[in-house]
C-alpha atoms as a PDB file:
ATOM      1  CA  MET A   1     -51.165  23.562  42.281  1.00  0.00           C
ATOM      2  CA  SER A   2     -47.587  23.179  42.963  1.00  0.00           C
ATOM      3  CA  ASP A   3     -47.387  20.981  39.705  1.00  0.00           C
ATOM      4  CA  ILE A   4     -47.871  24.358  37.889  1.00  0.00           C
ATOM      5  CA  ILE A   5     -45.906  26.731  40.205  1.00  0.00           C
ATOM      6  CA  LYS A   6     -42.615  24.987  40.110  1.00  0.00           C
ATOM      7  CA  PRO A   7     -42.483  24.522  36.191  1.00  0.00           C
ATOM      8  CA  ALA A   8     -43.687  28.316  35.912  1.00  0.00           C
ATOM      9  CA  GLY A   9     -40.966  29.327  38.420  1.00  0.00           C
ATOM     10  CA  VAL A  10     -38.334  27.569  36.429  1.00  0.00           C
ATOM     11  CA  LEU A  11     -39.554  28.936  33.280  1.00  0.00           C
ATOM     12  CA  LEU A  12     -39.441  32.358  34.766  1.00  0.00           C
ATOM     13  CA  VAL A  13     -35.761  32.118  35.849  1.00  0.00           C
ATOM     14  CA  ILE A  14     -34.885  30.819  32.490  1.00  0.00           C
ATOM     15  CA  CYS A  15     -36.532  33.684  30.845  1.00  0.00           C
ATOM     16  CA  LEU A  16     -34.808  36.227  33.173  1.00  0.00           C
ATOM     17  CA  ILE A  17     -31.412  34.703  32.434  1.00  0.00           C
ATOM     18  CA  ALA A  18     -32.181  34.843  28.612  1.00  0.00           C
ATOM     19  CA  ALA A  19     -33.210  38.429  28.673  1.00  0.00           C
ATOM     20  CA  ALA A  20     -30.271  39.562  30.795  1.00  0.00           C
ATOM     21  CA  LEU A  21     -27.910  37.868  28.141  1.00  0.00           C
ATOM     22  CA  LEU A  22     -29.766  39.521  25.245  1.00  0.00           C
ATOM     23  CA  GLY A  23     -29.372  42.791  26.900  1.00  0.00           C
ATOM     24  CA  TYR A  24     -25.755  42.429  27.707  1.00  0.00           C
ATOM     25  CA  VAL A  25     -25.005  41.273  24.106  1.00  0.00           C
ATOM     26  CA  ASN A  26     -26.882  44.270  22.752  1.00  0.00           C
ATOM     27  CA  GLN A  27     -24.873  46.745  24.948  1.00  0.00           C
ATOM     28  CA  ILE A  28     -21.496  45.243  23.781  1.00  0.00           C
ATOM     29  CA  THR A  29     -22.489  45.489  20.108  1.00  0.00           C
ATOM     30  CA  LEU A  30     -23.907  48.931  20.125  1.00  0.00           C
ATOM     31  CA  ALA A  31     -20.523  50.729  19.683  1.00  0.00           C
ATOM     32  CA  PRO A  32     -19.100  48.359  16.858  1.00  0.00           C
ATOM     33  CA  ILE A  33     -22.468  48.738  15.003  1.00  0.00           C
ATOM     34  CA  ALA A  34     -22.495  52.419  15.257  1.00  0.00           C
ATOM     35  CA  ALA A  35     -18.666  52.563  14.053  1.00  0.00           C
ATOM     36  CA  GLN A  36     -19.472  50.409  10.905  1.00  0.00           C
ATOM     37  CA  GLU A  37     -22.559  52.529   9.995  1.00  0.00           C
ATOM     38  CA  ALA A  38     -20.566  55.775  10.583  1.00  0.00           C
ATOM     39  CA  LEU A  39     -17.738  54.206   8.198  1.00  0.00           C
ATOM     40  CA  ALA A  40     -20.278  53.321   5.553  1.00  0.00           C
ATOM     41  CA  LYS A  41     -21.741  56.817   5.671  1.00  0.00           C
ATOM     42  CA  GLN A  42     -18.425  58.164   5.282  1.00  0.00           C
ATOM     43  CA  GLU A  43     -17.478  55.897   2.203  1.00  0.00           C
ATOM     44  CA  SER A  44     -20.920  56.820   0.689  1.00  0.00           C
ATOM     45  CA  MET A  45     -20.212  60.588   0.953  1.00  0.00           C
ATOM     46  CA  THR A  46     -16.824  60.199  -0.514  1.00  0.00           C
ATOM     47  CA  ALA A  47     -18.196  58.262  -3.294  1.00  0.00           C
ATOM     48  CA  VAL A  48     -20.880  60.840  -4.274  1.00  0.00           C
ATOM     49  CA  LEU A  49     -18.619  63.707  -3.692  1.00  0.00           C
ATOM     50  CA  PRO A  50     -15.061  62.852  -4.466  1.00  0.00           C
ATOM     51  CA  ASP A  51     -13.734  66.255  -4.643  1.00  0.00           C
ATOM     52  CA  ALA A  52     -14.630  67.170  -0.984  1.00  0.00           C
ATOM     53  CA  ALA A  53     -11.486  67.335   1.273  1.00  0.00           C
ATOM     54  CA  SER A  54     -13.930  66.946   4.312  1.00  0.00           C
ATOM     55  CA  PHE A  55     -17.437  66.980   5.446  1.00  0.00           C
ATOM     56  CA  GLY A  56     -19.069  69.206   7.882  1.00  0.00           C
ATOM     57  CA  ASP A  57     -21.691  68.262  10.504  1.00  0.00           C
ATOM     58  CA  SER A  58     -24.602  66.222   9.339  1.00  0.00           C
ATOM     59  CA  LEU A  59     -28.112  68.116   9.658  1.00  0.00           C
ATOM     60  CA  GLU A  60     -31.036  65.843  10.690  1.00  0.00           C
ATOM     61  CA  VAL A  61     -33.862  66.670   8.228  1.00  0.00           C
ATOM     62  CA  ASN A  62     -36.567  64.024   8.284  1.00  0.00           C
ATOM     63  CA  GLU A  63     -38.517  66.076   5.532  1.00  0.00           C
ATOM     64  CA  GLY A  64     -40.157  63.716   2.984  1.00  0.00           C
ATOM     65  CA  SER A  65     -37.766  60.766   2.361  1.00  0.00           C
ATOM     66  CA  ILE A  66     -34.580  62.804   3.320  1.00  0.00           C
ATOM     67  CA  THR A  67     -32.954  61.931   6.636  1.00  0.00           C
ATOM     68  CA  THR A  68     -29.764  64.110   6.674  1.00  0.00           C
ATOM     69  CA  VAL A  69     -27.775  66.508   4.607  1.00  0.00           C
ATOM     70  CA  THR A  70     -24.014  66.925   5.166  1.00  0.00           C
ATOM     71  CA  PRO A  71     -22.208  69.699   3.771  1.00  0.00           C
ATOM     72  CA  ALA A  72     -18.958  68.748   1.526  1.00  0.00           C
ATOM     73  CA  LEU A  73     -15.863  71.159   2.191  1.00  0.00           C
ATOM     74  CA  ASP A  74     -13.136  72.110  -0.010  1.00  0.00           C
ATOM     75  CA  GLU A  75      -9.567  72.573   1.475  1.00  0.00           C
ATOM     76  CA  SER A  76     -10.429  76.094   2.464  1.00  0.00           C
ATOM     77  CA  GLY A  77     -13.493  74.975   4.277  1.00  0.00           C
ATOM     78  CA  ASN A  78     -15.924  76.299   1.606  1.00  0.00           C
ATOM     79  CA  GLU A  79     -19.055  74.332   0.781  1.00  0.00           C
ATOM     80  CA  ILE A  80     -18.808  72.493  -2.567  1.00  0.00           C
ATOM     81  CA  GLY A  81     -21.947  70.419  -2.246  1.00  0.00           C
ATOM     82  CA  TYR A  82     -24.053  68.444  -0.087  1.00  0.00           C
ATOM     83  CA  ALA A  83     -24.395  64.632   0.646  1.00  0.00           C
ATOM     84  CA  VAL A  84     -28.155  63.914   0.903  1.00  0.00           C
ATOM     85  CA  ALA A  85     -29.226  60.667   2.635  1.00  0.00           C
ATOM     86  CA  ILE A  86     -32.482  59.307   1.655  1.00  0.00           C
ATOM     87  CA  ASN A  87     -34.522  56.554   2.805  1.00  0.00           C
ATOM     88  CA  THR A  88     -37.445  55.744   0.482  1.00  0.00           C
ATOM     89  CA  LYS A  89     -39.791  52.821  -0.799  1.00  0.00           C
ATOM     90  CA  GLY A  90     -38.771  51.128  -3.929  1.00  0.00           C
ATOM     91  CA  PHE A  91     -40.904  47.762  -4.729  1.00  0.00           C
ATOM     92  CA  SER A  92     -40.306  46.383  -1.499  1.00  0.00           C
ATOM     93  CA  ALA A  93     -39.533  47.716   2.198  1.00  0.00           C
ATOM     94  CA  GLY A  94     -37.246  50.368   1.155  1.00  0.00           C
ATOM     95  CA  LEU A  95     -34.094  51.793  -0.330  1.00  0.00           C
ATOM     96  CA  GLN A  96     -31.213  53.816   1.402  1.00  0.00           C
ATOM     97  CA  LEU A  97     -29.680  56.284  -1.047  1.00  0.00           C
ATOM     98  CA  MET A  98     -26.938  58.692  -0.894  1.00  0.00           C
ATOM     99  CA  TYR A  99     -26.729  61.532  -3.406  1.00  0.00           C
ATOM    100  CA  GLY A 100     -24.205  64.219  -3.823  1.00  0.00           C
ATOM    101  CA  VAL A 101     -25.343  67.538  -5.026  1.00  0.00           C
ATOM    102  CA  ASP A 102     -23.057  70.279  -5.964  1.00  0.00           C
ATOM    103  CA  THR A 103     -23.617  74.037  -5.616  1.00  0.00           C
ATOM    104  CA  THR A 104     -25.233  74.256  -9.097  1.00  0.00           C
ATOM    105  CA  GLY A 105     -27.866  71.661  -8.168  1.00  0.00           C
ATOM    106  CA  THR A 106     -26.254  68.995 -10.244  1.00  0.00           C
ATOM    107  CA  ILE A 107     -25.747  65.265  -8.963  1.00  0.00           C
ATOM    108  CA  THR A 108     -22.227  64.589  -8.547  1.00  0.00           C
ATOM    109  CA  GLY A 109     -22.958  60.818  -7.691  1.00  0.00           C
ATOM    110  CA  LEU A 110     -25.079  58.341  -6.405  1.00  0.00           C
ATOM    111  CA  SER A 111     -24.301  55.631  -3.808  1.00  0.00           C
ATOM    112  CA  ILE A 112     -26.799  52.892  -3.266  1.00  0.00           C
ATOM    113  CA  VAL A 113     -26.302  52.250   0.268  1.00  0.00           C
ATOM    114  CA  ASP A 114     -28.775  49.396   0.706  1.00  0.00           C
ATOM    115  CA  CYS A 115     -31.075  47.901  -1.763  1.00  0.00           C
ATOM    116  CA  SER A 116     -31.239  44.353  -0.227  1.00  0.00           C
ATOM    117  CA  ASN A 117     -34.985  44.514   0.413  1.00  0.00           C
ATOM    118  CA  GLU A 118     -35.625  44.840  -3.327  1.00  0.00           C
ATOM    119  CA  THR A 119     -36.275  41.866  -5.606  1.00  0.00           C
ATOM    120  CA  PRO A 120     -33.067  39.752  -6.261  1.00  0.00           C
ATOM    121  CA  GLY A 121     -31.964  39.989  -9.794  1.00  0.00           C
ATOM    122  CA  LEU A 122     -34.433  42.940 -10.486  1.00  0.00           C
ATOM    123  CA  GLY A 123     -34.744  45.817  -8.226  1.00  0.00           C
ATOM    124  CA  ALA A 124     -31.472  44.694  -6.150  1.00  0.00           C
ATOM    125  CA  ASN A 125     -29.612  45.490  -9.395  1.00  0.00           C
ATOM    126  CA  ALA A 126     -29.999  49.119  -8.492  1.00  0.00           C
ATOM    127  CA  SER A 127     -26.523  48.582  -6.737  1.00  0.00           C
ATOM    128  CA  ASN A 128     -24.846  48.121 -10.246  1.00  0.00           C
ATOM    129  CA  GLU A 129     -22.697  50.876 -11.508  1.00  0.00           C
ATOM    130  CA  SER A 130     -24.453  50.585 -14.831  1.00  0.00           C
ATOM    131  CA  PHE A 131     -27.722  51.681 -13.307  1.00  0.00           C
ATOM    132  CA  TYR A 132     -26.524  54.166 -10.740  1.00  0.00           C
ATOM    133  CA  GLY A 133     -23.765  55.589 -12.549  1.00  0.00           C
ATOM    134  CA  GLN A 134     -26.411  57.296 -15.044  1.00  0.00           C
ATOM    135  CA  PHE A 135     -27.358  59.793 -12.327  1.00  0.00           C
ATOM    136  CA  ALA A 136     -24.152  61.640 -12.214  1.00  0.00           C
ATOM    137  CA  GLY A 137     -24.191  65.095 -13.890  1.00  0.00           C
ATOM    138  CA  LYS A 138     -27.908  65.179 -13.982  1.00  0.00           C
ATOM    139  CA  SER A 139     -29.871  68.222 -13.006  1.00  0.00           C
ATOM    140  CA  GLY A 140     -33.297  69.589 -13.368  1.00  0.00           C
ATOM    141  CA  GLU A 141     -36.047  66.941 -13.531  1.00  0.00           C
ATOM    142  CA  ILE A 142     -35.019  63.225 -13.803  1.00  0.00           C
ATOM    143  CA  ALA A 143     -37.004  60.501 -14.892  1.00  0.00           C
ATOM    144  CA  VAL A 144     -36.691  56.988 -16.435  1.00  0.00           C
ATOM    145  CA  THR A 145     -37.140  56.746 -20.092  1.00  0.00           C
ATOM    146  CA  LYS A 146     -40.727  55.308 -19.911  1.00  0.00           C
ATOM    147  CA  ASP A 147     -41.688  58.631 -18.244  1.00  0.00           C
ATOM    148  CA  GLY A 148     -39.907  60.794 -20.698  1.00  0.00           C
ATOM    149  CA  GLY A 149     -36.518  61.106 -19.291  1.00  0.00           C
ATOM    150  CA  ASP A 150     -33.169  59.686 -19.986  1.00  0.00           C
ATOM    151  CA  ILE A 151     -32.379  57.203 -17.064  1.00  0.00           C
ATOM    152  CA  GLU A 152     -32.286  53.533 -18.486  1.00  0.00           C
ATOM    153  CA  ALA A 153     -34.764  51.725 -15.861  1.00  0.00           C
ATOM    154  CA  LEU A 154     -33.845  48.334 -14.678  1.00  0.00           C
ATOM    155  CA  THR A 155     -35.328  45.507 -16.625  1.00  0.00           C
ATOM    156  CA  GLY A 156     -38.286  44.274 -14.684  1.00  0.00           C
ATOM    157  CA  ALA A 157     -37.816  46.859 -11.978  1.00  0.00           C
ATOM    158  CA  THR A 158     -39.443  50.101 -13.037  1.00  0.00           C
ATOM    159  CA  ILE A 159     -40.926  50.764  -9.586  1.00  0.00           C
ATOM    160  CA  THR A 160     -37.359  50.608  -8.063  1.00  0.00           C
ATOM    161  CA  SER A 161     -36.029  52.844 -11.151  1.00  0.00           C
ATOM    162  CA  ARG A 162     -38.657  55.363 -10.620  1.00  0.00           C
ATOM    163  CA  ALA A 163     -38.166  55.373  -6.802  1.00  0.00           C
ATOM    164  CA  VAL A 164     -34.404  56.190  -7.395  1.00  0.00           C
ATOM    165  CA  ALA A 165     -35.313  58.903  -9.967  1.00  0.00           C
ATOM    166  CA  ASP A 166     -37.979  60.533  -7.682  1.00  0.00           C
ATOM    167  CA  ALA A 167     -35.437  60.547  -4.781  1.00  0.00           C
ATOM    168  CA  ALA A 168     -32.790  62.390  -7.119  1.00  0.00           C
ATOM    169  CA  ASN A 169     -35.488  64.878  -7.882  1.00  0.00           C
ATOM    170  CA  GLU A 170     -36.064  65.231  -4.074  1.00  0.00           C
ATOM    171  CA  ALA A 171     -32.443  65.640  -3.359  1.00  0.00           C
ATOM    172  CA  ILE A 172     -31.825  68.290  -6.020  1.00  0.00           C
ATOM    173  CA  ASN A 173     -35.051  70.290  -4.907  1.00  0.00           C
ATOM    174  CA  TYR A 174     -34.098  70.229  -1.143  1.00  0.00           C
ATOM    175  CA  VAL A 175     -30.520  71.383  -1.701  1.00  0.00           C
ATOM    176  CA  THR A 176     -31.780  73.961  -4.198  1.00  0.00           C
ATOM    177  CA  GLU A 177     -34.462  75.372  -1.985  1.00  0.00           C
ATOM    178  CA  ASN A 178     -32.649  75.165   1.166  1.00  0.00           C
ATOM    179  CA  TYR A 179     -28.907  76.061   0.265  1.00  0.00           C
ATOM    180  CA  LEU A 180     -28.599  77.448  -3.076  1.00  0.00           C
ATOM    181  CA  LYS A 181     -31.366  80.139  -3.082  1.00  0.00           C
ATOM    182  CA  GLY A 182     -30.374  81.647   0.239  1.00  0.00           C
ATOM    183  CA  GLY A 183     -31.652  79.135   2.515  1.00  0.00           C
ATOM    184  CA  ALA A 184     -30.420  77.824   5.851  1.00  0.00           C
ATOM    185  CA  ASN A 185     -26.718  77.432   5.015  1.00  0.00           C
END
């Protein structure tokens, strides 16, 4: 019986030490990770709404694929648009996108925050400016050419392309309904 208890006790002590070390490392990395995420969000918002002098407080949405909406402000503090963060499913596990939508319901820019789960060489090409640059200036219903729209889909990645176009429609519709038609401002 002691043949089992002694190795089990040693294993328990090793597990406790390992768990304590993992907890410690987790605690010391939380702040740097949060700071890096905040910086990436700020850079994405600035990229999609370059005319903004500053940004207001982000509103947690969690409606559909939309996670947050952040008002973009001019020098006087007037809202000139909205940065809409969206997490949606492309071909694989997901896409993190940031759309800028101005006060006319027009997309001012698209930032592909993360498409690393998409197929390399296909859907991951969504991060190429030749693809995401097509969305700036678009309004109304957005679709890829295969679906009657004017967004050129990524070769071999129609599912990813459609997901990005659908997310653009979701961003425009949310901003239009909630901010531009007298909604919660």
